[in-house]
Every structure is written in structure tokens, then in C-alpha cells.
C-alpha atoms as a PDB file:
ATOM      1  CA  MET A   1      67.328  21.275 128.459  1.00  0.00           C
ATOM      2  CA  ALA A   2      65.160  24.244 127.566  1.00  0.00           C
ATOM      3  CA  LYS A   3      66.418  27.767 128.134  1.00  0.00           C
ATOM      4  CA  THR A   4      64.612  29.796 130.774  1.00  0.00           C
ATOM      5  CA  TYR A   5      64.267  33.579 130.817  1.00  0.00           C
ATOM      6  CA  GLU A   6      64.017  35.837 133.857  1.00  0.00           C
ATOM      7  CA  SER A   7      61.024  38.129 134.392  1.00  0.00           C
ATOM      8  CA  GLY A   8      61.490  41.496 132.688  1.00  0.00           C
ATOM      9  CA  ALA A   9      63.950  40.145 130.089  1.00  0.00           C
ATOM     10  CA  ALA A  10      63.755  41.287 126.459  1.00  0.00           C
ATOM     11  CA  VAL A  11      62.892  38.241 124.322  1.00  0.00           C
ATOM     12  CA  LYS A  12      61.997  37.227 120.768  1.00  0.00           C
ATOM     13  CA  SER A  13      58.365  37.014 119.723  1.00  0.00           C
ATOM     14  CA  GLY A  14      56.496  33.873 120.680  1.00  0.00           C
ATOM     15  CA  TYR A  15      54.723  32.294 123.650  1.00  0.00           C
ATOM     16  CA  TYR A  16      56.311  32.044 127.088  1.00  0.00           C
ATOM     17  CA  VAL A  17      55.072  29.971 130.028  1.00  0.00           C
ATOM     18  CA  ASP A  18      55.708  30.725 133.699  1.00  0.00           C
ATOM     19  CA  MET A  19      55.175  27.413 135.502  1.00  0.00           C
ATOM     20  CA  GLU A  20      55.540  29.056 138.916  1.00  0.00           C
ATOM     21  CA  GLY A  21      52.667  31.462 138.281  1.00  0.00           C
ATOM     22  CA  TRP A  22      50.792  29.204 135.803  1.00  0.00           C
ATOM     23  CA  ALA A  23      50.700  31.887 133.139  1.00  0.00           C
ATOM     24  CA  VAL A  24      51.094  31.922 129.362  1.00  0.00           C
ATOM     25  CA  HIS A  25      52.293  35.265 128.007  1.00  0.00           C
ATOM     26  CA  PRO A  26      52.349  36.091 124.280  1.00  0.00           C
ATOM     27  CA  VAL A  27      55.145  38.345 123.009  1.00  0.00           C
ATOM     28  CA  ALA A  28      54.121  39.997 119.718  1.00  0.00           C
ATOM     29  CA  HIS A  29      57.379  41.724 118.660  1.00  0.00           C
ATOM     30  CA  ASP A  30      61.068  40.934 119.109  1.00  0.00           C
ATOM     31  CA  GLY A  31      62.592  42.906 121.980  1.00  0.00           C
ATOM     32  CA  GLU A  32      59.447  43.124 124.079  1.00  0.00           C
ATOM     33  CA  ARG A  33      59.885  42.376 127.759  1.00  0.00           C
ATOM     34  CA  LEU A  34      58.332  39.593 129.804  1.00  0.00           C
ATOM     35  CA  PRO A  35      56.114  40.662 132.724  1.00  0.00           C
ATOM     36  CA  ALA A  36      57.946  41.917 135.801  1.00  0.00           C
ATOM     37  CA  GLY A  37      57.904  40.051 139.101  1.00  0.00           C
ATOM     38  CA  ARG A  38      59.056  36.626 140.190  1.00  0.00           C
ATOM     39  CA  GLY A  39      59.251  33.687 137.873  1.00  0.00           C
ATOM     40  CA  ALA A  40      61.296  31.876 135.274  1.00  0.00           C
ATOM     41  CA  TRP A  41      59.779  31.847 131.801  1.00  0.00           C
ATOM     42  CA  LEU A  42      60.093  29.041 129.274  1.00  0.00           C
ATOM     43  CA  ARG A  43      59.557  29.588 125.535  1.00  0.00           C
ATOM     44  CA  VAL A  44      57.098  27.095 124.043  1.00  0.00           C
ATOM     45  CA  PRO A  45      55.864  26.459 120.490  1.00  0.00           C
ATOM     46  CA  THR A  46      52.509  27.941 119.474  1.00  0.00           C
ATOM     47  CA  LEU A  47      50.659  24.602 119.437  1.00  0.00           C
ATOM     48  CA  VAL A  48      51.871  23.803 122.969  1.00  0.00           C
ATOM     49  CA  ALA A  49      50.758  27.259 124.178  1.00  0.00           C
ATOM     50  CA  ILE A  50      47.324  26.759 122.615  1.00  0.00           C
ATOM     51  CA  GLY A  51      47.019  23.365 124.345  1.00  0.00           C
ATOM     52  CA  LEU A  52      48.332  24.645 127.703  1.00  0.00           C
ATOM     53  CA  THR A  53      46.020  27.640 127.962  1.00  0.00           C
ATOM     54  CA  PRO A  54      42.747  25.726 128.533  1.00  0.00           C
ATOM     55  CA  ILE A  55      44.478  23.169 130.792  1.00  0.00           C
ATOM     56  CA  LEU A  56      45.925  25.897 133.017  1.00  0.00           C
ATOM     57  CA  GLY A  57      42.583  27.714 133.042  1.00  0.00           C
ATOM     58  CA  LEU A  58      40.726  24.543 134.008  1.00  0.00           C
ATOM     59  CA  ALA A  59      43.201  23.804 136.797  1.00  0.00           C
ATOM     60  CA  PHE A  60      42.758  27.360 138.056  1.00  0.00           C
ATOM     61  CA  LEU A  61      38.972  27.040 138.023  1.00  0.00           C
ATOM     62  CA  MET A  62      39.097  23.706 139.843  1.00  0.00           C
ATOM     63  CA  PHE A  63      41.529  24.735 142.571  1.00  0.00           C
ATOM     64  CA  LEU A  64      40.316  28.297 143.209  1.00  0.00           C
ATOM     65  CA  PRO A  65      37.281  27.222 145.283  1.00  0.00           C
ATOM     66  CA  VAL A  66      39.355  24.632 147.121  1.00  0.00           C
ATOM     67  CA  ILE A  67      41.954  27.250 148.002  1.00  0.00           C
ATOM     68  CA  GLY A  68      39.193  29.567 149.224  1.00  0.00           C
ATOM     69  CA  PHE A  69      37.683  26.902 151.480  1.00  0.00           C
ATOM     70  CA  VAL A  70      41.097  25.901 152.844  1.00  0.00           C
ATOM     71  CA  LEU A  71      42.046  29.498 153.648  1.00  0.00           C
ATOM     72  CA  ALA A  72      38.656  30.205 155.246  1.00  0.00           C
ATOM     73  CA  ALA A  73      38.899  27.056 157.400  1.00  0.00           C
ATOM     74  CA  ARG A  74      42.426  27.949 158.438  1.00  0.00           C
ATOM     75  CA  ALA A  75      41.397  31.502 159.347  1.00  0.00           C
ATOM     76  CA  ALA A  76      38.508  30.144 161.440  1.00  0.00           C
ATOM     77  CA  ALA A  77      40.669  27.504 163.150  1.00  0.00           C
ATOM     78  CA  ASN A  78      43.631  29.753 164.065  1.00  0.00           C
ATOM     79  CA  PRO A  79      41.995  31.401 167.129  1.00  0.00           C
ATOM     80  CA  ILE A  80      40.850  28.011 168.427  1.00  0.00           C
ATOM     81  CA  VAL A  81      44.290  26.481 167.944  1.00  0.00           C
ATOM     82  CA  ARG A  82      45.929  29.459 169.702  1.00  0.00           C
ATOM     83  CA  LEU A  83      43.493  29.078 172.616  1.00  0.00           C
ATOM     84  CA  PHE A  84      44.338  25.388 173.104  1.00  0.00           C
ATOM     85  CA  ARG A  85      48.055  25.951 172.567  1.00  0.00           C
ATOM     86  CA  ALA A  86      48.126  28.646 175.281  1.00  0.00           C
ATOM     87  CA  SER A  87      46.041  26.468 177.618  1.00  0.00           C
ATOM     88  CA  ALA A  88      48.322  23.489 177.077  1.00  0.00           C
ATOM     89  CA  ALA A  89      51.426  25.577 177.779  1.00  0.00           C
ATOM     90  CA  ASP A  90      49.885  26.949 180.994  1.00  0.00           C
ATOM     91  CA  LEU A  91      48.829  23.468 182.089  1.00  0.00           C
ATOM     92  CA  ALA A  92      52.279  22.038 181.380  1.00  0.00           C
ATOM     93  CA  ALA A  93      53.871  24.826 183.423  1.00  0.00           C
ATOM     94  CA  THR A  94      51.659  24.129 186.448  1.00  0.00           C
ATOM     95  CA  VAL A  95      51.909  20.333 186.290  1.00  0.00           C
ATOM     96  CA  SER A  96      55.647  20.060 185.685  1.00  0.00           C
ATOM     97  CA  PRO A  97      57.780  19.412 188.768  1.00  0.00           C
ATOM     98  CA  GLY A  98      59.791  22.301 190.158  1.00  0.00           C
ATOM     99  CA  TRP A  99      62.891  20.269 190.837  1.00  0.00           C
ATOM    100  CA  ALA A 100      64.296  16.978 189.665  1.00  0.00           C
ATOM    101  CA  PRO A 101      67.463  15.419 191.103  1.00  0.00           C
ATOM    102  CA  GLY A 102      70.432  15.595 188.792  1.00  0.00           C
ATOM    103  CA  GLU A 103      69.110  18.498 186.716  1.00  0.00           C
ATOM    104  CA  ALA A 104      70.636  21.945 186.632  1.00  0.00           C
ATOM    105  CA  HIS A 105      68.112  24.735 187.071  1.00  0.00           C
ATOM    106  CA  LEU A 106      69.677  28.054 186.227  1.00  0.00           C
ATOM    107  CA  THR A 107      66.646  30.152 187.083  1.00  0.00           C
ATOM    108  CA  GLY A 108      68.203  32.123 189.922  1.00  0.00           C
ATOM    109  CA  LYS A 109      65.758  30.766 192.521  1.00  0.00           C
ATOM    110  CA  ARG A 110      66.886  29.138 195.712  1.00  0.00           C
ATOM    111  CA  GLY A 111      65.882  25.579 196.395  1.00  0.00           C
ATOM    112  CA  GLU A 112      63.831  24.559 199.412  1.00  0.00           C
ATOM    113  CA  GLY A 113      65.770  24.728 202.676  1.00  0.00           C
ATOM    114  CA  GLU A 114      68.773  26.343 201.023  1.00  0.00           C
ATOM    115  CA  ARG A 115      70.559  29.082 202.941  1.00  0.00           C
ATOM    116  CA  VAL A 116      71.911  32.303 201.543  1.00  0.00           C
ATOM    117  CA  GLU A 117      75.688  32.172 201.492  1.00  0.00           C
ATOM    118  CA  GLU A 118      78.038  35.096 201.434  1.00  0.00           C
ATOM    119  CA  LYS A 119      80.015  35.075 198.253  1.00  0.00           C
ATOM    120  CA  GLY A 120      83.314  36.689 197.480  1.00  0.00           C
ATOM    121  CA  PRO A 121      86.684  36.681 199.176  1.00  0.00           C
ATOM    122  CA  PRO A 122      86.841  37.391 202.923  1.00  0.00           C
ATOM    123  CA  ALA A 123      89.037  40.450 202.365  1.00  0.00           C
ATOM    124  CA  ALA A 124      86.286  42.084 200.306  1.00  0.00           C
ATOM    125  CA  ALA A 125      83.776  41.503 203.111  1.00  0.00           C
ATOM    126  CA  GLU A 126      86.130  43.114 205.615  1.00  0.00           C
ATOM    127  CA  ARG A 127      86.633  46.142 203.364  1.00  0.00           C
ATOM    128  CA  LEU A 128      82.863  46.495 202.965  1.00  0.00           C
ATOM    129  CA  ASP A 129      82.426  46.362 206.746  1.00  0.00           C
ATOM    130  CA  ALA A 130      85.128  49.024 207.197  1.00  0.00           C
ATOM    131  CA  LEU A 131      83.490  51.235 204.580  1.00  0.00           C
ATOM    132  CA  GLU A 132      80.112  50.800 206.262  1.00  0.00           C
ATOM    133  CA  ARG A 133      81.569  51.828 209.627  1.00  0.00           C
ATOM    134  CA  GLU A 134      83.229  54.876 208.027  1.00  0.00           C
ATOM    135  CA  ILE A 135      79.968  55.994 206.419  1.00  0.00           C
ATOM    136  CA  GLU A 136      78.077  55.490 209.657  1.00  0.00           C
ATOM    137  CA  GLY A 137      80.707  57.542 211.533  1.00  0.00           C
ATOM    138  CA  LYS A 138      80.425  60.434 209.057  1.00  0.00           C
ATOM    139  CA  ARG A 139      76.628  60.422 209.339  1.00  0.00           C
ATOM    140  CA  LYS A 140      76.794  60.732 213.143  1.00  0.00           C
ATOM    141  CA  SER A 141      79.327  63.570 213.133  1.00  0.00           C
END
């Protein structure tokens, strides 16, 4: 298995290929550093570097226009997709049933025909009534 070098590492002279960025970088003197940034560099023999350079350049020239068209189409389609996605979500919200038997709806809304029930222990309700009467008595006096 070939040894890989990190970006920015000091290396021996030779040719180094970054397959992630599709770049061939020549290092003229021992101790020079590889370009900074992301990537793992692989040292290759000179003949391989000479053969890789036109292949990588040709691939770049072939795919650059394709990438441009794809990005332009995506940029043009995003607003349309967002419009339909929002419309579909609104439609689904209006068409979906409000209640289905056997499902728990924890929305905080009361169901149809449901009464409001007093909650809490009876002693607390009595204390609240007593406090209310006390406040009302102090307001009148």
C-alpha cells in the first residue's frame, strides 16, 4: 500500500497527486511543503505524473461544462420545488382528518363536545374559593 502525505507536510522532491482535488503538484527540493488545505497526497513516479496530467486535465475540461449546467439547472429548479413543497404541505394539512379513533393527539385542543373539567384535588379548589372570598372582602372594605 502506498504511503499518503497530509496537506502541508514537508516531503522529498518528486511528484505528488491529490486524488480528492485531482491535482498533480511537483516538489522541486527536499523539505518543501505540499499545498495547504484538505487532501491526502500520494507520491508517484515521474512517468506516471506525466501520464496523469493530461488525463486529469481532459477530465476537468469534460466535466466543467456539465457541472455548470447541473448547478444552473438546480439553482433554477430550487424556487419551483420549494413552491410545490410548501403547497403540498398546506394541502396535506387541510385535507388530513382532525381526529381518528385510537390515536393520541397531544395538541392541547379539546375534542368536539368535550366539557372542561376541573382538575386538581378538591381541597385545593376549596382553598382557592376561600382565598377569592378573602380578596373580595378586602376590596369591599
